[in-house]
Every structure is written in C-alpha cells, then in structure tokens.
C-alpha cells in the first residue's frame, strides 16, 4: 500500500506512522529521517539542504521533493510506503502526483488524523522532557512525574521546550492551517481522503486506521 499520513502537530503522526508501517510491512518515510540521512551521508541534496539550514533559511521544496523521490525508488519501497511529513503543501502534493504517475503507480489512501485544536495545545504544551535524557518524556496531565519537575527515571530536571509553549504551539497550528491543511481538500477531491478520529488510546487509533484502509 502507498499511504500519506497527515494531521496537525500533536496528532500522533510519528507514533501512528511507525505502528502502521510495521503492521502493513512497508517502510515509514518521514521528512525528518530523509533530511538526517541525506545530510549524514553527504549526498548532493543533503549538502544543498545543509547549506540552506546553516544559513537559517527554509529548504526549497525541490530539494525535499528530490529526497522523497529518491527514497521512494529504493527496493524496500517497491511494494509500498507510508509518507509522514511529505507532502507538506499543495506544491509538494502535486509533485508527488507527478512522481507516482511517472512510475505508473498511485496512492491507495490519505489518512487524516483529526484532533480538536485545544487538545493539540493541551498535548504539546503539557509535555515535559528530562534534561539528562530527552527520551524520558512526561506530561503534566496524561503522564505526570511522581514529584513535580523531577524525572522518575533518573532524577533529572524536567523542562518545557521553547517550541512547546502554548504560544509557540498556536503559531505552529496557524502555519499548519495555512500551508498543510489545503492538501486535505486536494486529496478529498481525488476521493483518497480518510479521516481518522485520533482521540483515545494509541492502539485504538491504529485499529481505526487499519480498518479504514481495508475497506
């Protein structure tokens, strides 16, 4: 299957992408992983991207599109893939259509993880990370530490990332609404969109997505 996963920040895309890709036995292709791999390997696209990033500039769409195209042509993606974070805007969505058409293949579906905006703010703004180990993550409401501000695992100080504040989250949501949300209508018009309520336990959301894909 060839799937695109979309949804606002805080919708759980990374978690669901990993679980869905594993269940469907297809590679999970995320924009973040594409950039890290290309930069660490020193590919021409990676070097171009790094130059823009080092200068504090946005990486042009054509570089992101090129990385995604290269990844989708690798042998492990021959029978399908799950795209997470790409396409991020209408230009990228149209470019993806062209890439797939040139390869004689098409998307099977676009999963839209739907979460109320206030829940997104609550999920992200309540997140706290350990200064000693960033993989130790807590939440003031959903997974609070035994002692306020102290990591249960190692006793390190818990802190809130600057981009996790409510103000920062709302800025990210505005960007999502203006740049990414239009692709939802674009795919709906193609009959590819499937909306998945993303509230509830992680396993429940995964089950909803799998069931929707099998219809």
Protein backbone atom coordinates (compact mmCIF):
# COMPACT_ATOMS: atom_id res chain seq x y z
CA UNK A 1 0.00 0.00 0.00
CA UNK A 2 1.06 3.57 -0.67
CA UNK A 3 -0.22 5.91 2.00
CA UNK A 4 0.16 9.54 3.06
CA UNK A 5 -0.36 10.43 6.72
CA UNK A 6 -1.44 13.97 7.58
CA UNK A 7 -2.65 15.80 10.66
CA UNK A 8 -1.80 18.78 12.86
CA UNK A 9 1.20 18.86 15.20
CA UNK A 10 0.42 16.80 18.29
CA UNK A 11 -1.92 14.43 16.44
CA UNK A 12 0.41 11.48 16.99
CA UNK A 13 1.59 11.11 13.38
CA UNK A 14 5.04 9.80 14.28
CA UNK A 15 3.68 7.15 16.64
CA UNK A 16 0.93 6.05 14.27
CA UNK A 17 3.24 6.08 11.24
CA UNK A 18 5.64 3.69 12.98
CA UNK A 19 2.86 1.33 14.06
CA UNK A 20 1.02 1.38 10.73
CA UNK A 21 4.17 0.84 8.69
CA UNK A 22 5.12 -2.11 10.89
CA UNK A 23 1.63 -3.62 10.65
CA UNK A 24 1.48 -3.19 6.87
CA UNK A 25 5.14 -4.24 6.34
CA UNK A 26 6.02 -1.10 4.40
CA UNK A 27 8.76 1.47 5.07
CA UNK A 28 7.96 4.59 7.08
CA UNK A 29 9.33 7.57 5.15
CA UNK A 30 9.43 10.73 7.27
CA UNK A 31 10.72 14.12 6.20
CA UNK A 32 12.93 14.33 9.29
CA UNK A 33 14.57 10.99 8.53
CA UNK A 34 15.10 11.99 4.89
CA UNK A 35 16.96 15.14 5.89
CA UNK A 36 19.06 13.40 8.55
CA UNK A 37 20.01 10.55 6.21
CA UNK A 38 20.92 12.77 3.28
CA UNK A 39 22.92 15.20 5.42
CA UNK A 40 24.78 12.48 7.33
CA UNK A 41 25.59 10.63 4.09
CA UNK A 42 26.73 13.83 2.38
CA UNK A 43 24.51 13.36 -0.68
CA UNK A 44 24.26 16.28 -3.14
CA UNK A 45 20.73 17.00 -1.92
CA UNK A 46 21.86 16.71 1.68
CA UNK A 47 24.69 19.19 1.13
CA UNK A 48 22.28 21.62 -0.52
CA UNK A 49 19.80 21.28 2.33
CA UNK A 50 22.52 21.77 4.95
CA UNK A 51 23.69 24.96 3.26
CA UNK A 52 20.19 26.44 3.50
CA UNK A 53 19.74 25.26 7.08
CA UNK A 54 23.14 26.60 8.19
CA UNK A 55 22.17 29.96 6.73
CA UNK A 56 18.92 29.91 8.68
CA UNK A 57 16.85 29.66 5.51
CA UNK A 58 13.97 27.37 4.58
CA UNK A 59 14.93 24.41 2.42
CA UNK A 60 13.26 24.82 -1.01
CA UNK A 61 10.52 22.38 -1.94
CA UNK A 62 12.50 20.97 -4.86
CA UNK A 63 15.17 19.62 -2.50
CA UNK A 64 12.61 17.95 -0.24
CA UNK A 65 10.81 16.55 -3.29
CA UNK A 66 14.09 15.20 -4.66
CA UNK A 67 14.89 13.44 -1.40
CA UNK A 68 11.42 11.90 -1.23
CA UNK A 69 11.62 10.75 -4.86
CA UNK A 70 14.98 9.07 -4.27
CA UNK A 71 13.70 7.30 -1.18
CA UNK A 72 10.53 6.05 -2.85
CA UNK A 73 12.57 4.42 -5.63
CA UNK A 74 14.63 2.28 -3.24
CA UNK A 75 13.99 -1.50 -3.35
CA UNK A 76 12.27 -1.74 0.05
CA UNK A 77 9.61 0.73 -1.14
CA UNK A 78 8.75 -1.21 -4.29
CA UNK A 79 5.59 -2.69 -2.76
CA UNK A 80 4.53 0.37 -0.85
CA UNK A 81 5.42 3.04 1.68
CA UNK A 82 3.93 5.37 4.26
CA UNK A 83 4.79 9.07 3.86
CA UNK A 84 4.88 11.14 7.06
CA UNK A 85 5.50 14.89 6.78
CA UNK A 86 5.52 14.82 2.99
CA UNK A 87 3.75 16.33 1.16
CA UNK A 88 3.59 19.40 3.41
CA UNK A 89 1.90 21.78 0.96
CA UNK A 90 -0.01 21.80 -2.32
CA UNK A 91 3.12 22.19 -4.43
CA UNK A 92 4.63 19.08 -2.88
CA UNK A 93 1.34 17.18 -3.25
CA UNK A 94 1.20 17.93 -6.96
CA UNK A 95 4.86 16.98 -7.35
CA UNK A 96 4.13 13.67 -5.61
CA UNK A 97 1.31 13.01 -8.08
CA UNK A 98 3.76 13.53 -10.95
CA UNK A 99 6.38 11.25 -9.40
CA UNK A 100 3.84 8.46 -8.92
CA UNK A 101 2.32 8.92 -12.36
CA UNK A 102 5.76 8.71 -13.99
CA UNK A 103 6.31 5.43 -12.10
CA UNK A 104 2.91 4.10 -13.15
CA UNK A 105 1.65 3.84 -9.56
CA UNK A 106 -0.82 5.75 -7.36
CA UNK A 107 -1.68 6.40 -3.75
CA UNK A 108 -4.06 3.99 -2.04
CA UNK A 109 -5.20 6.46 0.58
CA UNK A 110 -4.51 9.59 2.63
CA UNK A 111 -5.13 9.24 6.36
CA UNK A 112 -6.02 12.47 8.14
CA UNK A 113 -5.57 12.21 11.92
CA UNK A 114 -8.24 14.51 13.31
CA UNK A 115 -7.69 16.11 16.73
CA UNK A 116 -9.52 19.16 18.16
CA UNK A 117 -7.25 22.20 18.27
CA UNK A 118 -7.50 22.69 22.03
CA UNK A 119 -6.49 19.06 22.54
CA UNK A 120 -3.42 19.65 20.36
CA UNK A 121 -2.45 22.62 22.52
CA UNK A 122 -3.01 20.62 25.70
CA UNK A 123 -0.98 17.64 24.43
CA UNK A 124 2.05 19.67 23.38
CA UNK A 125 2.07 22.45 25.97
CA UNK A 126 1.82 19.88 28.78
CA UNK A 127 4.87 17.93 27.62
CA UNK A 128 7.97 17.89 29.85
CA UNK A 129 11.38 16.43 28.96
CA UNK A 130 14.28 15.33 31.16
CA UNK A 131 17.44 17.42 30.79
CA UNK A 132 19.59 14.33 31.40
CA UNK A 133 17.81 12.12 28.86
CA UNK A 134 15.47 13.52 26.22
CA UNK A 135 13.82 10.12 25.75
CA UNK A 136 12.31 10.44 29.25
CA UNK A 137 9.10 12.30 28.45
CA UNK A 138 6.27 13.19 30.82
CA UNK A 139 3.02 15.14 30.62
CA UNK A 140 1.54 17.31 33.34
CA UNK A 141 -1.91 15.73 32.83
CA UNK A 142 -1.52 12.42 31.00
CA UNK A 143 1.74 11.12 32.45
CA UNK A 144 2.82 13.27 35.40
CA UNK A 145 6.03 12.50 37.32
CA UNK A 146 5.76 11.33 40.92
CA UNK A 147 7.49 14.55 42.01
CA UNK A 148 6.75 17.77 40.17
CA UNK A 149 9.66 18.80 37.94
CA UNK A 150 11.72 15.67 38.62
CA UNK A 151 12.28 12.74 36.24
CA UNK A 152 11.04 9.42 37.65
CA UNK A 153 13.73 7.54 35.73
CA UNK A 154 16.93 9.34 36.71
CA UNK A 155 16.06 12.26 38.98
CA UNK A 156 16.95 14.82 36.32
CA UNK A 157 15.24 18.17 35.98
CA UNK A 158 12.13 18.26 33.79
CA UNK A 159 11.69 21.22 31.48
CA UNK A 160 9.39 22.55 28.76
CA UNK A 161 10.90 23.11 25.32
CA UNK A 162 10.57 26.66 24.00
CA UNK A 163 8.60 25.39 20.98
CA UNK A 164 6.21 23.51 23.28
CA UNK A 165 4.75 26.62 24.94
CA UNK A 166 1.10 27.41 24.21
CA UNK A 167 2.08 30.50 22.21
CA UNK A 168 4.54 28.52 20.08
CA UNK A 169 2.03 25.72 19.51
CA UNK A 170 -0.60 28.16 18.27
CA UNK A 171 1.92 29.64 15.81
CA UNK A 172 2.66 26.12 14.53
CA UNK A 173 -1.07 25.47 14.16
CA UNK A 174 -1.51 28.66 12.14
CA UNK A 175 1.26 27.51 9.82
CA UNK A 176 -0.39 24.08 9.52
CA UNK A 177 -3.76 25.65 8.65
CA UNK A 178 -2.27 27.93 6.00
CA UNK A 179 0.26 25.58 4.37
CA UNK A 180 -0.64 21.95 5.01
CA UNK A 181 -4.41 21.88 5.54
CA UNK A 182 -5.14 22.74 1.87
CA UNK A 183 -3.80 19.31 0.83
CA UNK A 184 -6.66 17.71 2.77
CA UNK A 185 -9.20 19.23 0.38
CA UNK A 186 -6.94 18.38 -2.56
CA UNK A 187 -6.95 14.69 -1.66
CA UNK A 188 -10.63 14.72 -0.71
CA UNK A 189 -11.39 15.89 -4.25
CA UNK A 190 -9.47 12.85 -5.53
CA UNK A 191 -11.50 10.51 -3.33
CA UNK A 192 -8.40 9.45 -1.40
CA UNK A 193 -9.03 11.08 1.98
CA UNK A 194 -9.95 9.04 5.04
CA UNK A 195 -10.47 10.96 8.29
CA UNK A 196 -9.45 9.11 11.45
CA UNK A 197 -10.52 10.40 14.89
CA UNK A 198 -7.19 10.47 16.77
CA UNK A 199 -8.52 10.71 20.32
CA UNK A 200 -8.25 7.70 22.64
CA UNK A 201 -5.59 5.10 23.24
CA UNK A 202 -2.80 4.74 20.67
CA UNK A 203 -3.88 1.17 19.87
CA UNK A 204 -7.47 2.30 19.26
CA UNK A 205 -6.36 4.93 16.74
CA UNK A 206 -4.18 2.37 14.95
CA UNK A 207 -7.09 -0.06 14.75
CA UNK A 208 -9.34 2.65 13.27
CA UNK A 209 -6.73 3.44 10.63
CA UNK A 210 -6.17 -0.21 9.65
CA UNK A 211 -9.90 -0.83 9.45
CA UNK A 212 -10.37 2.23 7.24
CA UNK A 213 -7.60 1.13 4.88
CA UNK A 214 -9.14 -2.33 4.48
CA UNK A 215 -12.49 -1.03 3.33
